[in-house]
Amino acid sequence: MTGQVRTVDGRVAGRRGQATRQKLLDCLAEMLSTSPYRDVKVIDVARMAGTSPATFYQYFPDVEGAVLEIADEVASAGAGLRDLATDKNWAGKGGYQAAEELVDGFLTFWRDNDAILRVVTLGSAEGDKRFSKIRQKMLTGVANALTDAVKELQATNKVEKSVSAPAVATSLVTMLSAVAEQQKAIETQGVKAKELKPNLALLVYLGVTGKKPPK
């Protein structure tokens, strides 16, 4: 961890304190992968980290506060999904390749961060603005990039002017995140990963360009 880190009471944590704080976050993240979010207790996280609840409370007000820290870090990484949709040539085979890369990026990111993203989704669904803000941080950038892509195609008359670029982009991002969140459930329904990716890419390409991908 880099940068200045403060304790709950405002003191600057030293190198050892930063290491302890990060270990608590790492242990919490590991516990979230095997336990429901609301079943995780401070004492369990502290015990796993080899420290005390009092030490935990030096850095976080409660488990939820620590969860929000992890979620915010993941959201910062997720904001990079925007790069997969920025400054792409959506015409022809290059456009379909861009769609494939975007789909793969979403599926991989959610698979790698499944535990914390489930908590973010739950909090957002329950109307918690803190989790909603974190989810928005992850997805707004890529939605804006897709909006720009559709508008650029409209500017060259490759997409109908009547199409709402923001509506299309937001719908595509919502679809991608929803499917990414449900990968395991989808597989239990008989849909294989090798089938899911190209068909999602097809939908993304159709959504952005309004055309079938080139053969």
C-alpha atoms as a PDB file:
ATOM      1  CA  MET A   1       0.000   0.000   0.000  1.00  0.00           C
ATOM      2  CA  THR A   2       1.310   3.426  -0.880  1.00  0.00           C
ATOM      3  CA  GLY A   3       0.324   6.918   0.179  1.00  0.00           C
ATOM      4  CA  GLN A   4      -0.656   8.295   3.555  1.00  0.00           C
ATOM      5  CA  VAL A   5      -2.960   6.108   5.630  1.00  0.00           C
ATOM      6  CA  ARG A   6      -4.718   7.361   8.745  1.00  0.00           C
ATOM      7  CA  THR A   7      -6.283   5.591  11.689  1.00  0.00           C
ATOM      8  CA  VAL A   8      -9.914   6.179  12.666  1.00  0.00           C
ATOM      9  CA  ASP A   9      -8.833   8.908  15.109  1.00  0.00           C
ATOM     10  CA  GLY A  10      -6.830  10.721  12.426  1.00  0.00           C
ATOM     11  CA  ARG A  11      -3.296   9.640  13.235  1.00  0.00           C
ATOM     12  CA  VAL A  12      -0.962   8.828  10.336  1.00  0.00           C
ATOM     13  CA  ALA A  13      -0.186   5.117  10.285  1.00  0.00           C
ATOM     14  CA  GLY A  14       3.436   4.084   9.976  1.00  0.00           C
ATOM     15  CA  ARG A  15       4.742   1.336   7.753  1.00  0.00           C
ATOM     16  CA  ARG A  16       3.919  -1.357  10.278  1.00  0.00           C
ATOM     17  CA  GLY A  17       0.450   0.046  10.813  1.00  0.00           C
ATOM     18  CA  GLN A  18      -0.175   0.144   7.069  1.00  0.00           C
ATOM     19  CA  ALA A  19       0.895  -3.478   6.793  1.00  0.00           C
ATOM     20  CA  THR A  20      -1.471  -4.453   9.613  1.00  0.00           C
ATOM     21  CA  ARG A  21      -4.331  -2.551   8.000  1.00  0.00           C
ATOM     22  CA  GLN A  22      -3.725  -4.231   4.653  1.00  0.00           C
ATOM     23  CA  LYS A  23      -3.568  -7.650   6.298  1.00  0.00           C
ATOM     24  CA  LEU A  24      -6.945  -7.025   7.902  1.00  0.00           C
ATOM     25  CA  LEU A  25      -8.379  -6.084   4.499  1.00  0.00           C
ATOM     26  CA  ASP A  26      -6.846  -9.166   2.874  1.00  0.00           C
ATOM     27  CA  CYS A  27      -8.286 -11.439   5.556  1.00  0.00           C
ATOM     28  CA  LEU A  28     -11.699  -9.810   5.246  1.00  0.00           C
ATOM     29  CA  ALA A  29     -11.638 -10.257   1.468  1.00  0.00           C
ATOM     30  CA  GLU A  30     -10.786 -13.936   1.933  1.00  0.00           C
ATOM     31  CA  MET A  31     -13.616 -14.412   4.418  1.00  0.00           C
ATOM     32  CA  LEU A  32     -16.109 -12.773   2.049  1.00  0.00           C
ATOM     33  CA  SER A  33     -15.334 -15.474  -0.504  1.00  0.00           C
ATOM     34  CA  THR A  34     -16.629 -18.171   1.840  1.00  0.00           C
ATOM     35  CA  SER A  35     -19.085 -16.419   4.202  1.00  0.00           C
ATOM     36  CA  PRO A  36     -22.151 -14.194   3.699  1.00  0.00           C
ATOM     37  CA  TYR A  37     -21.219 -10.551   4.146  1.00  0.00           C
ATOM     38  CA  ARG A  38     -23.384  -9.988   7.225  1.00  0.00           C
ATOM     39  CA  ASP A  39     -22.067 -13.100   8.962  1.00  0.00           C
ATOM     40  CA  VAL A  40     -18.509 -11.765   9.078  1.00  0.00           C
ATOM     41  CA  LYS A  41     -17.585 -10.416  12.511  1.00  0.00           C
ATOM     42  CA  VAL A  42     -14.755  -8.133  13.597  1.00  0.00           C
ATOM     43  CA  ILE A  43     -13.414 -10.702  16.028  1.00  0.00           C
ATOM     44  CA  ASP A  44     -13.192 -13.318  13.262  1.00  0.00           C
ATOM     45  CA  VAL A  45     -11.306 -10.975  10.916  1.00  0.00           C
ATOM     46  CA  ALA A  46      -8.921  -9.939  13.691  1.00  0.00           C
ATOM     47  CA  ARG A  47      -8.284 -13.529  14.716  1.00  0.00           C
ATOM     48  CA  MET A  48      -7.538 -14.547  11.140  1.00  0.00           C
ATOM     49  CA  ALA A  49      -5.115 -11.618  10.816  1.00  0.00           C
ATOM     50  CA  GLY A  50      -3.395 -12.583  14.062  1.00  0.00           C
ATOM     51  CA  THR A  51      -4.356  -9.396  15.880  1.00  0.00           C
ATOM     52  CA  SER A  52      -7.111  -8.078  18.146  1.00  0.00           C
ATOM     53  CA  PRO A  53     -10.516  -6.438  17.610  1.00  0.00           C
ATOM     54  CA  ALA A  54      -9.085  -3.312  19.228  1.00  0.00           C
ATOM     55  CA  THR A  55      -6.476  -3.134  16.459  1.00  0.00           C
ATOM     56  CA  PHE A  56      -9.191  -3.585  13.827  1.00  0.00           C
ATOM     57  CA  TYR A  57     -11.101  -0.625  15.266  1.00  0.00           C
ATOM     58  CA  GLN A  58      -7.986   1.526  15.016  1.00  0.00           C
ATOM     59  CA  TYR A  59      -8.343   1.401  11.233  1.00  0.00           C
ATOM     60  CA  PHE A  60     -12.041   0.777  10.517  1.00  0.00           C
ATOM     61  CA  PRO A  61     -15.267   1.797  12.284  1.00  0.00           C
ATOM     62  CA  ASP A  62     -16.831  -1.617  11.608  1.00  0.00           C
ATOM     63  CA  VAL A  63     -16.829  -4.503   9.134  1.00  0.00           C
ATOM     64  CA  GLU A  64     -18.951  -2.534   6.678  1.00  0.00           C
ATOM     65  CA  GLY A  65     -16.427   0.300   6.689  1.00  0.00           C
ATOM     66  CA  ALA A  66     -13.663  -2.125   5.799  1.00  0.00           C
ATOM     67  CA  VAL A  67     -15.829  -3.735   3.113  1.00  0.00           C
ATOM     68  CA  LEU A  68     -16.359  -0.309   1.551  1.00  0.00           C
ATOM     69  CA  GLU A  69     -12.580   0.206   1.495  1.00  0.00           C
ATOM     70  CA  ILE A  70     -12.095  -3.060  -0.429  1.00  0.00           C
ATOM     71  CA  ALA A  71     -14.996  -2.274  -2.737  1.00  0.00           C
ATOM     72  CA  ASP A  72     -13.608   1.163  -3.544  1.00  0.00           C
ATOM     73  CA  GLU A  73     -10.223  -0.299  -4.442  1.00  0.00           C
ATOM     74  CA  VAL A  74     -11.886  -2.863  -6.709  1.00  0.00           C
ATOM     75  CA  ALA A  75     -14.017  -0.137  -8.289  1.00  0.00           C
ATOM     76  CA  SER A  76     -10.900   1.867  -9.087  1.00  0.00           C
ATOM     77  CA  ALA A  77      -9.504  -1.155 -10.916  1.00  0.00           C
ATOM     78  CA  GLY A  78     -12.865  -1.767 -12.601  1.00  0.00           C
ATOM     79  CA  ALA A  79     -12.906   1.763 -13.954  1.00  0.00           C
ATOM     80  CA  GLY A  80     -10.189   0.516 -16.286  1.00  0.00           C
ATOM     81  CA  LEU A  81     -12.869  -1.348 -18.234  1.00  0.00           C
ATOM     82  CA  ARG A  82     -13.420   1.982 -19.958  1.00  0.00           C
ATOM     83  CA  ASP A  83     -10.128   1.500 -21.808  1.00  0.00           C
ATOM     84  CA  LEU A  84     -11.574  -1.568 -23.538  1.00  0.00           C
ATOM     85  CA  ALA A  85     -14.211   0.599 -25.204  1.00  0.00           C
ATOM     86  CA  THR A  86     -12.267   3.821 -25.752  1.00  0.00           C
ATOM     87  CA  ASP A  87     -10.924   4.942 -29.140  1.00  0.00           C
ATOM     88  CA  LYS A  88     -11.897   1.717 -30.873  1.00  0.00           C
ATOM     89  CA  ASN A  89     -12.713   1.328 -34.541  1.00  0.00           C
ATOM     90  CA  TRP A  90     -16.108  -0.334 -34.386  1.00  0.00           C
ATOM     91  CA  ALA A  91     -16.379  -0.891 -38.118  1.00  0.00           C
ATOM     92  CA  GLY A  92     -15.916  -4.379 -39.527  1.00  0.00           C
ATOM     93  CA  LYS A  93     -13.834  -7.111 -37.986  1.00  0.00           C
ATOM     94  CA  GLY A  94     -11.977  -4.657 -35.760  1.00  0.00           C
ATOM     95  CA  GLY A  95     -15.264  -3.667 -34.172  1.00  0.00           C
ATOM     96  CA  TYR A  96     -16.191  -7.257 -33.461  1.00  0.00           C
ATOM     97  CA  GLN A  97     -12.768  -7.818 -31.924  1.00  0.00           C
ATOM     98  CA  ALA A  98     -13.357  -4.775 -29.696  1.00  0.00           C
ATOM     99  CA  ALA A  99     -16.675  -6.285 -28.638  1.00  0.00           C
ATOM    100  CA  GLU A 100     -14.972  -9.589 -27.813  1.00  0.00           C
ATOM    101  CA  GLU A 101     -12.296  -7.850 -25.744  1.00  0.00           C
ATOM    102  CA  LEU A 102     -14.906  -5.858 -23.829  1.00  0.00           C
ATOM    103  CA  VAL A 103     -16.920  -8.983 -23.064  1.00  0.00           C
ATOM    104  CA  ASP A 104     -13.839 -10.882 -21.955  1.00  0.00           C
ATOM    105  CA  GLY A 105     -12.823  -7.940 -19.766  1.00  0.00           C
ATOM    106  CA  PHE A 106     -16.172  -7.877 -17.978  1.00  0.00           C
ATOM    107  CA  LEU A 107     -16.336 -11.637 -17.432  1.00  0.00           C
ATOM    108  CA  THR A 108     -12.749 -11.830 -16.192  1.00  0.00           C
ATOM    109  CA  PHE A 109     -13.035  -8.818 -13.890  1.00  0.00           C
ATOM    110  CA  TRP A 110     -16.192 -10.134 -12.219  1.00  0.00           C
ATOM    111  CA  ARG A 111     -14.785 -13.634 -11.911  1.00  0.00           C
ATOM    112  CA  ASP A 112     -11.600 -12.321 -10.277  1.00  0.00           C
ATOM    113  CA  ASN A 113     -13.513 -10.084  -7.834  1.00  0.00           C
ATOM    114  CA  ASP A 114     -16.683 -12.110  -7.389  1.00  0.00           C
ATOM    115  CA  ALA A 115     -16.888 -11.987  -3.581  1.00  0.00           C
ATOM    116  CA  ILE A 116     -16.682  -8.215  -3.112  1.00  0.00           C
ATOM    117  CA  LEU A 117     -18.740  -7.446  -6.221  1.00  0.00           C
ATOM    118  CA  ARG A 118     -21.570  -9.578  -4.842  1.00  0.00           C
ATOM    119  CA  VAL A 119     -21.579  -7.359  -1.772  1.00  0.00           C
ATOM    120  CA  VAL A 120     -21.569  -4.224  -3.926  1.00  0.00           C
ATOM    121  CA  THR A 121     -24.488  -5.531  -5.967  1.00  0.00           C
ATOM    122  CA  LEU A 122     -26.436  -6.447  -2.831  1.00  0.00           C
ATOM    123  CA  GLY A 123     -25.836  -3.069  -1.209  1.00  0.00           C
ATOM    124  CA  SER A 124     -26.822  -1.248  -4.386  1.00  0.00           C
ATOM    125  CA  ALA A 125     -30.004  -3.317  -4.749  1.00  0.00           C
ATOM    126  CA  GLU A 126     -30.937  -2.453  -1.162  1.00  0.00           C
ATOM    127  CA  GLY A 127     -30.592   1.244  -1.913  1.00  0.00           C
ATOM    128  CA  ASP A 128     -27.347   1.888  -0.041  1.00  0.00           C
ATOM    129  CA  LYS A 129     -25.989   4.991  -1.790  1.00  0.00           C
ATOM    130  CA  ARG A 130     -22.424   4.208  -0.775  1.00  0.00           C
ATOM    131  CA  PHE A 131     -22.461   0.920  -2.668  1.00  0.00           C
ATOM    132  CA  SER A 132     -24.431   2.459  -5.526  1.00  0.00           C
ATOM    133  CA  LYS A 133     -21.748   5.124  -5.884  1.00  0.00           C
ATOM    134  CA  ILE A 134     -19.035   2.467  -6.001  1.00  0.00           C
ATOM    135  CA  ARG A 135     -20.917   0.509  -8.660  1.00  0.00           C
ATOM    136  CA  GLN A 136     -21.393   3.686 -10.663  1.00  0.00           C
ATOM    137  CA  LYS A 137     -17.665   4.372 -10.403  1.00  0.00           C
ATOM    138  CA  MET A 138     -16.978   1.037 -12.084  1.00  0.00           C
ATOM    139  CA  LEU A 139     -19.512   1.287 -14.876  1.00  0.00           C
ATOM    140  CA  THR A 140     -19.980   4.949 -15.803  1.00  0.00           C
ATOM    141  CA  GLY A 141     -16.686   5.223 -17.659  1.00  0.00           C
ATOM    142  CA  VAL A 142     -17.322   2.289 -19.968  1.00  0.00           C
ATOM    143  CA  ALA A 143     -20.901   3.461 -20.572  1.00  0.00           C
ATOM    144  CA  ASN A 144     -19.573   6.882 -21.570  1.00  0.00           C
ATOM    145  CA  ALA A 145     -17.031   5.294 -23.911  1.00  0.00           C
ATOM    146  CA  LEU A 146     -19.728   3.242 -25.633  1.00  0.00           C
ATOM    147  CA  THR A 147     -21.924   6.341 -25.858  1.00  0.00           C
ATOM    148  CA  ASP A 148     -19.102   8.128 -27.651  1.00  0.00           C
ATOM    149  CA  ALA A 149     -18.650   5.149 -29.978  1.00  0.00           C
ATOM    150  CA  VAL A 150     -22.296   5.196 -31.045  1.00  0.00           C
ATOM    151  CA  LYS A 151     -22.240   8.975 -31.507  1.00  0.00           C
ATOM    152  CA  GLU A 152     -19.139   8.735 -33.708  1.00  0.00           C
ATOM    153  CA  LEU A 153     -20.905   6.191 -35.915  1.00  0.00           C
ATOM    154  CA  GLN A 154     -23.939   8.474 -36.076  1.00  0.00           C
ATOM    155  CA  ALA A 155     -21.719  11.367 -37.139  1.00  0.00           C
ATOM    156  CA  THR A 156     -20.678   9.378 -40.224  1.00  0.00           C
ATOM    157  CA  ASN A 157     -24.233   8.151 -40.892  1.00  0.00           C
ATOM    158  CA  LYS A 158     -23.363   4.554 -39.985  1.00  0.00           C
ATOM    159  CA  VAL A 159     -25.983   4.497 -37.229  1.00  0.00           C
ATOM    160  CA  GLU A 160     -29.436   6.062 -37.355  1.00  0.00           C
ATOM    161  CA  LYS A 161     -29.645   9.487 -35.713  1.00  0.00           C
ATOM    162  CA  SER A 162     -32.863   8.392 -33.984  1.00  0.00           C
ATOM    163  CA  VAL A 163     -30.909   5.918 -31.837  1.00  0.00           C
ATOM    164  CA  SER A 164     -30.238   7.166 -28.299  1.00  0.00           C
ATOM    165  CA  ALA A 165     -26.524   6.585 -27.777  1.00  0.00           C
ATOM    166  CA  PRO A 166     -26.685   6.867 -23.942  1.00  0.00           C
ATOM    167  CA  ALA A 167     -29.640   4.475 -23.779  1.00  0.00           C
ATOM    168  CA  VAL A 168     -27.881   1.890 -25.939  1.00  0.00           C
ATOM    169  CA  ALA A 169     -24.612   2.214 -24.030  1.00  0.00           C
ATOM    170  CA  THR A 170     -26.228   1.997 -20.600  1.00  0.00           C
ATOM    171  CA  SER A 171     -28.275  -1.025 -21.668  1.00  0.00           C
ATOM    172  CA  LEU A 172     -25.187  -2.823 -22.958  1.00  0.00           C
ATOM    173  CA  VAL A 173     -23.212  -2.149 -19.790  1.00  0.00           C
ATOM    174  CA  THR A 174     -26.147  -3.271 -17.641  1.00  0.00           C
ATOM    175  CA  MET A 175     -26.377  -6.474 -19.669  1.00  0.00           C
ATOM    176  CA  LEU A 176     -22.659  -7.172 -19.422  1.00  0.00           C
ATOM    177  CA  SER A 177     -22.492  -6.602 -15.670  1.00  0.00           C
ATOM    178  CA  ALA A 178     -25.612  -8.692 -15.041  1.00  0.00           C
ATOM    179  CA  VAL A 179     -24.320 -11.621 -17.081  1.00  0.00           C
ATOM    180  CA  ALA A 180     -20.865 -11.305 -15.529  1.00  0.00           C
ATOM    181  CA  GLU A 181     -22.414 -11.458 -12.055  1.00  0.00           C
ATOM    182  CA  GLN A 182     -24.368 -14.599 -12.934  1.00  0.00           C
ATOM    183  CA  GLN A 183     -21.665 -16.620 -14.697  1.00  0.00           C
ATOM    184  CA  LYS A 184     -21.873 -19.578 -12.327  1.00  0.00           C
ATOM    185  CA  ALA A 185     -25.668 -19.649 -12.382  1.00  0.00           C
ATOM    186  CA  ILE A 186     -25.699 -19.416 -16.178  1.00  0.00           C
ATOM    187  CA  GLU A 187     -23.330 -22.359 -16.460  1.00  0.00           C
ATOM    188  CA  THR A 188     -25.665 -24.474 -14.327  1.00  0.00           C
ATOM    189  CA  GLN A 189     -28.333 -23.818 -16.962  1.00  0.00           C
ATOM    190  CA  GLY A 190     -26.212 -25.549 -19.564  1.00  0.00           C
ATOM    191  CA  VAL A 191     -24.622 -22.493 -21.179  1.00  0.00           C
ATOM    192  CA  LYS A 192     -20.899 -23.052 -21.665  1.00  0.00           C
ATOM    193  CA  ALA A 193     -18.354 -20.252 -21.303  1.00  0.00           C
ATOM    194  CA  LYS A 194     -17.150 -20.818 -24.860  1.00  0.00           C
ATOM    195  CA  GLU A 195     -20.714 -20.194 -26.059  1.00  0.00           C
ATOM    196  CA  LEU A 196     -21.381 -17.237 -23.793  1.00  0.00           C
ATOM    197  CA  LYS A 197     -18.510 -15.010 -24.905  1.00  0.00           C
ATOM    198  CA  PRO A 198     -19.131 -14.939 -28.676  1.00  0.00           C
ATOM    199  CA  ASN A 199     -22.863 -14.466 -28.249  1.00  0.00           C
ATOM    200  CA  LEU A 200     -22.375 -11.593 -25.830  1.00  0.00           C
ATOM    201  CA  ALA A 201     -19.892 -10.069 -28.265  1.00  0.00           C
ATOM    202  CA  LEU A 202     -22.532 -10.396 -30.986  1.00  0.00           C
ATOM    203  CA  LEU A 203     -25.035  -8.455 -28.876  1.00  0.00           C
ATOM    204  CA  VAL A 204     -22.493  -5.742 -28.049  1.00  0.00           C
ATOM    205  CA  TYR A 205     -21.532  -5.338 -31.699  1.00  0.00           C
ATOM    206  CA  LEU A 206     -25.169  -5.226 -32.769  1.00  0.00           C
ATOM    207  CA  GLY A 207     -25.921  -2.681 -30.061  1.00  0.00           C
ATOM    208  CA  VAL A 208     -23.107  -0.329 -30.990  1.00  0.00           C
ATOM    209  CA  THR A 209     -23.241  -0.605 -34.775  1.00  0.00           C
ATOM    210  CA  GLY A 210     -26.782  -1.755 -35.501  1.00  0.00           C
ATOM    211  CA  LYS A 211     -25.341  -4.395 -37.829  1.00  0.00           C
ATOM    212  CA  LYS A 212     -24.428  -8.059 -37.782  1.00  0.00           C
ATOM    213  CA  PRO A 213     -20.706  -8.681 -37.331  1.00  0.00           C
ATOM    214  CA  PRO A 214     -18.733  -9.472 -40.487  1.00  0.00           C
ATOM    215  CA  LYS A 215     -18.018 -13.103 -41.211  1.00  0.00           C
END
